[in-house]
Amino acid sequence: MNPESPRVEKIRQALQSLRPSKLVIVDESYRHAGHAGARDGRGHFAVEVVSEEFRGLAPLAMHRKVYEAVGGLMQTDIHALSIKASAPG
């Protein structure tokens, strides 16, 4: 088993507030080596979140909820975040 990076674990913990039924986090930082935004040490991540918290929300509102959940990590650990969010079903 491949252990998660500390950043992925921080993101996972932050997104637990959404009570996801599915949560996939992929660290894509390696794809951005040398990119100006990667120089500050923050990473590029893709997340897929399925949660009842998103039921009835427009896609923009779902993304806002994800950004609210990760909060300060956008300043310390995350440079870019690709989001796929949906309600179950």
N, C-alpha and C. Protein backbone atom coordinates (compact mmCIF):
# COMPACT_ATOMS: atom_id res chain seq x y z
N MET A 1 0.85 -1.19 0.00
CA MET A 1 0.00 0.00 0.00
C MET A 1 0.88 1.24 0.00
N ASN A 2 0.51 2.22 -0.79
CA ASN A 2 1.26 3.45 -0.90
C ASN A 2 0.70 4.47 0.09
N PRO A 3 1.50 4.88 1.09
CA PRO A 3 0.97 5.84 2.06
C PRO A 3 0.74 7.21 1.41
N GLU A 4 -0.25 7.93 1.93
CA GLU A 4 -0.58 9.25 1.40
C GLU A 4 0.45 10.27 1.87
N SER A 5 0.64 11.27 1.06
CA SER A 5 1.52 12.37 1.45
C SER A 5 0.85 13.16 2.57
N PRO A 6 1.64 13.87 3.36
CA PRO A 6 1.04 14.70 4.42
C PRO A 6 0.03 15.71 3.88
N ARG A 7 0.29 16.27 2.69
CA ARG A 7 -0.65 17.23 2.11
C ARG A 7 -1.97 16.57 1.75
N VAL A 8 -1.90 15.40 1.15
CA VAL A 8 -3.13 14.69 0.79
C VAL A 8 -3.92 14.37 2.05
N GLU A 9 -3.24 13.98 3.11
CA GLU A 9 -3.93 13.68 4.36
C GLU A 9 -4.58 14.93 4.94
N LYS A 10 -3.92 16.08 4.85
CA LYS A 10 -4.52 17.34 5.32
C LYS A 10 -5.79 17.66 4.53
N ILE A 11 -5.72 17.48 3.23
CA ILE A 11 -6.88 17.76 2.37
C ILE A 11 -8.01 16.79 2.72
N ARG A 12 -7.66 15.51 2.89
CA ARG A 12 -8.66 14.50 3.25
C ARG A 12 -9.36 14.88 4.56
N GLN A 13 -8.58 15.28 5.54
CA GLN A 13 -9.16 15.65 6.84
C GLN A 13 -10.07 16.87 6.70
N ALA A 14 -9.64 17.86 5.92
CA ALA A 14 -10.43 19.08 5.74
C ALA A 14 -11.77 18.77 5.06
N LEU A 15 -11.75 17.87 4.09
CA LEU A 15 -12.96 17.57 3.33
C LEU A 15 -13.92 16.64 4.08
N GLN A 16 -13.51 16.11 5.21
CA GLN A 16 -14.41 15.27 6.01
C GLN A 16 -15.60 16.07 6.51
N SER A 17 -15.46 17.39 6.59
CA SER A 17 -16.58 18.23 7.04
C SER A 17 -17.76 18.15 6.07
N LEU A 18 -17.51 17.72 4.84
CA LEU A 18 -18.58 17.55 3.85
C LEU A 18 -19.24 16.17 3.94
N ARG A 19 -18.76 15.34 4.82
CA ARG A 19 -19.26 13.96 5.00
C ARG A 19 -19.37 13.24 3.66
N PRO A 20 -18.26 13.12 2.95
CA PRO A 20 -18.31 12.51 1.61
C PRO A 20 -18.60 11.02 1.65
N SER A 21 -19.40 10.57 0.69
CA SER A 21 -19.59 9.13 0.52
C SER A 21 -18.52 8.59 -0.42
N LYS A 22 -17.91 9.50 -1.18
CA LYS A 22 -16.76 9.15 -2.03
C LYS A 22 -15.81 10.33 -2.00
N LEU A 23 -14.53 10.04 -1.82
CA LEU A 23 -13.52 11.08 -1.82
C LEU A 23 -12.24 10.52 -2.43
N VAL A 24 -11.84 11.11 -3.54
CA VAL A 24 -10.60 10.73 -4.22
C VAL A 24 -9.75 11.98 -4.32
N ILE A 25 -8.50 11.88 -3.88
CA ILE A 25 -7.57 13.00 -3.95
C ILE A 25 -6.33 12.54 -4.68
N VAL A 26 -5.96 13.27 -5.72
CA VAL A 26 -4.78 12.92 -6.51
C VAL A 26 -3.81 14.10 -6.47
N ASP A 27 -2.58 13.82 -6.06
CA ASP A 27 -1.53 14.83 -6.06
C ASP A 27 -0.94 14.87 -7.46
N GLU A 28 -1.17 15.96 -8.16
CA GLU A 28 -0.67 16.13 -9.53
C GLU A 28 0.51 17.09 -9.59
N SER A 29 1.12 17.34 -8.45
CA SER A 29 2.21 18.32 -8.37
C SER A 29 3.35 17.98 -9.32
N TYR A 30 3.65 16.70 -9.48
CA TYR A 30 4.76 16.29 -10.34
C TYR A 30 4.57 16.77 -11.78
N ARG A 31 3.34 16.96 -12.19
CA ARG A 31 3.05 17.41 -13.55
C ARG A 31 3.34 18.89 -13.75
N HIS A 32 3.59 19.58 -12.65
CA HIS A 32 3.77 21.03 -12.72
C HIS A 32 5.15 21.47 -12.23
N ALA A 33 6.10 20.54 -12.20
CA ALA A 33 7.46 20.88 -11.77
C ALA A 33 7.99 22.00 -12.66
N GLY A 34 8.57 23.01 -12.04
CA GLY A 34 9.11 24.14 -12.79
C GLY A 34 8.10 25.23 -13.05
N HIS A 35 6.83 24.95 -12.83
CA HIS A 35 5.76 25.95 -13.00
C HIS A 35 5.93 27.03 -11.94
N ALA A 36 5.72 28.26 -12.31
CA ALA A 36 5.91 29.39 -11.39
C ALA A 36 5.13 29.21 -10.09
N GLY A 37 3.92 28.70 -10.18
CA GLY A 37 3.10 28.52 -8.98
C GLY A 37 3.58 27.42 -8.07
N ALA A 38 4.40 26.51 -8.59
CA ALA A 38 4.90 25.41 -7.78
C ALA A 38 6.15 25.81 -7.00
N ARG A 39 6.74 26.93 -7.34
CA ARG A 39 7.99 27.34 -6.69
C ARG A 39 7.82 27.69 -5.22
N ASP A 40 6.61 28.06 -4.82
CA ASP A 40 6.41 28.43 -3.42
C ASP A 40 6.18 27.21 -2.52
N GLY A 41 6.25 26.02 -3.10
CA GLY A 41 6.14 24.81 -2.30
C GLY A 41 4.73 24.24 -2.19
N ARG A 42 3.74 24.98 -2.68
CA ARG A 42 2.38 24.45 -2.63
C ARG A 42 2.17 23.52 -3.82
N GLY A 43 1.17 22.65 -3.74
CA GLY A 43 0.97 21.64 -4.77
C GLY A 43 -0.29 21.80 -5.59
N HIS A 44 -0.36 20.98 -6.62
CA HIS A 44 -1.52 20.90 -7.52
C HIS A 44 -2.26 19.59 -7.20
N PHE A 45 -3.56 19.69 -6.98
CA PHE A 45 -4.34 18.52 -6.60
C PHE A 45 -5.63 18.45 -7.38
N ALA A 46 -6.13 17.24 -7.56
CA ALA A 46 -7.45 17.00 -8.15
C ALA A 46 -8.25 16.26 -7.09
N VAL A 47 -9.50 16.68 -6.87
CA VAL A 47 -10.36 16.00 -5.92
C VAL A 47 -11.68 15.64 -6.59
N GLU A 48 -12.18 14.49 -6.21
CA GLU A 48 -13.53 14.08 -6.58
C GLU A 48 -14.27 13.86 -5.27
N VAL A 49 -15.36 14.61 -5.09
CA VAL A 49 -16.12 14.55 -3.85
C VAL A 49 -17.59 14.28 -4.17
N VAL A 50 -18.14 13.23 -3.59
CA VAL A 50 -19.56 12.94 -3.70
C VAL A 50 -20.13 13.08 -2.29
N SER A 51 -21.12 13.94 -2.14
CA SER A 51 -21.66 14.20 -0.81
C SER A 51 -23.12 14.63 -0.88
N GLU A 52 -23.90 14.21 0.10
CA GLU A 52 -25.29 14.67 0.23
C GLU A 52 -25.33 16.18 0.46
N GLU A 53 -24.25 16.74 0.99
CA GLU A 53 -24.17 18.18 1.22
C GLU A 53 -24.37 18.96 -0.08
N PHE A 54 -24.15 18.32 -1.22
CA PHE A 54 -24.27 18.99 -2.51
C PHE A 54 -25.65 18.86 -3.14
N ARG A 55 -26.53 18.08 -2.52
CA ARG A 55 -27.86 17.85 -3.08
C ARG A 55 -28.58 19.17 -3.34
N GLY A 56 -29.02 19.36 -4.57
CA GLY A 56 -29.78 20.54 -4.95
C GLY A 56 -28.95 21.79 -5.23
N LEU A 57 -27.64 21.68 -5.14
CA LEU A 57 -26.79 22.85 -5.37
C LEU A 57 -26.32 22.92 -6.82
N ALA A 58 -26.11 24.11 -7.29
CA ALA A 58 -25.51 24.33 -8.60
C ALA A 58 -24.01 24.00 -8.50
N PRO A 59 -23.38 23.67 -9.62
CA PRO A 59 -21.95 23.33 -9.59
C PRO A 59 -21.08 24.39 -8.90
N LEU A 60 -21.33 25.66 -9.16
CA LEU A 60 -20.53 26.70 -8.53
C LEU A 60 -20.66 26.66 -7.00
N ALA A 61 -21.85 26.43 -6.51
CA ALA A 61 -22.07 26.33 -5.06
C ALA A 61 -21.35 25.13 -4.47
N MET A 62 -21.31 24.02 -5.21
CA MET A 62 -20.58 22.83 -4.76
C MET A 62 -19.09 23.16 -4.63
N HIS A 63 -18.55 23.83 -5.64
CA HIS A 63 -17.13 24.19 -5.62
C HIS A 63 -16.83 25.13 -4.46
N ARG A 64 -17.73 26.06 -4.21
CA ARG A 64 -17.53 26.97 -3.08
C ARG A 64 -17.45 26.22 -1.76
N LYS A 65 -18.31 25.21 -1.60
CA LYS A 65 -18.29 24.40 -0.38
C LYS A 65 -16.95 23.68 -0.23
N VAL A 66 -16.42 23.17 -1.34
CA VAL A 66 -15.11 22.50 -1.29
C VAL A 66 -14.03 23.51 -0.89
N TYR A 67 -14.03 24.68 -1.51
CA TYR A 67 -13.03 25.70 -1.18
C TYR A 67 -13.16 26.15 0.28
N GLU A 68 -14.38 26.27 0.78
CA GLU A 68 -14.58 26.62 2.19
C GLU A 68 -14.01 25.54 3.09
N ALA A 69 -14.19 24.28 2.71
CA ALA A 69 -13.70 23.17 3.54
C ALA A 69 -12.17 23.13 3.60
N VAL A 70 -11.51 23.39 2.49
CA VAL A 70 -10.04 23.34 2.51
C VAL A 70 -9.44 24.62 3.07
N GLY A 71 -10.23 25.70 3.08
CA GLY A 71 -9.88 26.95 3.74
C GLY A 71 -8.44 27.38 3.62
N GLY A 72 -7.76 27.44 4.76
CA GLY A 72 -6.40 27.93 4.85
C GLY A 72 -5.38 27.11 4.09
N LEU A 73 -5.72 25.87 3.73
CA LEU A 73 -4.77 25.05 2.97
C LEU A 73 -4.47 25.68 1.61
N MET A 74 -5.36 26.54 1.13
CA MET A 74 -5.10 27.24 -0.13
C MET A 74 -3.93 28.21 0.02
N GLN A 75 -3.65 28.62 1.22
CA GLN A 75 -2.53 29.54 1.47
C GLN A 75 -1.25 28.81 1.82
N THR A 76 -1.36 27.58 2.32
CA THR A 76 -0.18 26.88 2.83
C THR A 76 0.23 25.65 2.03
N ASP A 77 -0.73 24.91 1.48
CA ASP A 77 -0.43 23.62 0.86
C ASP A 77 -0.90 23.47 -0.58
N ILE A 78 -1.94 24.21 -0.97
CA ILE A 78 -2.55 24.01 -2.28
C ILE A 78 -2.34 25.25 -3.15
N HIS A 79 -1.74 25.04 -4.31
CA HIS A 79 -1.62 26.12 -5.30
C HIS A 79 -2.79 26.06 -6.28
N ALA A 80 -3.12 24.85 -6.72
CA ALA A 80 -4.21 24.66 -7.68
C ALA A 80 -5.04 23.46 -7.26
N LEU A 81 -6.36 23.58 -7.44
CA LEU A 81 -7.27 22.52 -7.06
C LEU A 81 -8.30 22.30 -8.16
N SER A 82 -8.27 21.13 -8.75
CA SER A 82 -9.26 20.74 -9.75
C SER A 82 -10.36 19.97 -9.00
N ILE A 83 -11.60 20.39 -9.19
CA ILE A 83 -12.70 19.82 -8.40
C ILE A 83 -13.74 19.17 -9.29
N LYS A 84 -14.10 17.95 -8.91
CA LYS A 84 -15.27 17.27 -9.49
C LYS A 84 -16.16 16.98 -8.29
N ALA A 85 -17.31 17.65 -8.23
CA ALA A 85 -18.20 17.52 -7.07
C ALA A 85 -19.60 17.14 -7.54
N SER A 86 -20.25 16.27 -6.76
CA SER A 86 -21.62 15.88 -7.10
C SER A 86 -22.31 15.30 -5.87
N ALA A 87 -23.63 15.21 -5.96
CA ALA A 87 -24.42 14.52 -4.96
C ALA A 87 -24.51 13.06 -5.37
N PRO A 88 -24.77 12.15 -4.43
CA PRO A 88 -24.90 10.74 -4.79
C PRO A 88 -26.02 10.53 -5.83
N GLY A 89 -25.80 9.57 -6.68
CA GLY A 89 -26.80 9.20 -7.67
C GLY A 89 -26.70 10.04 -8.89
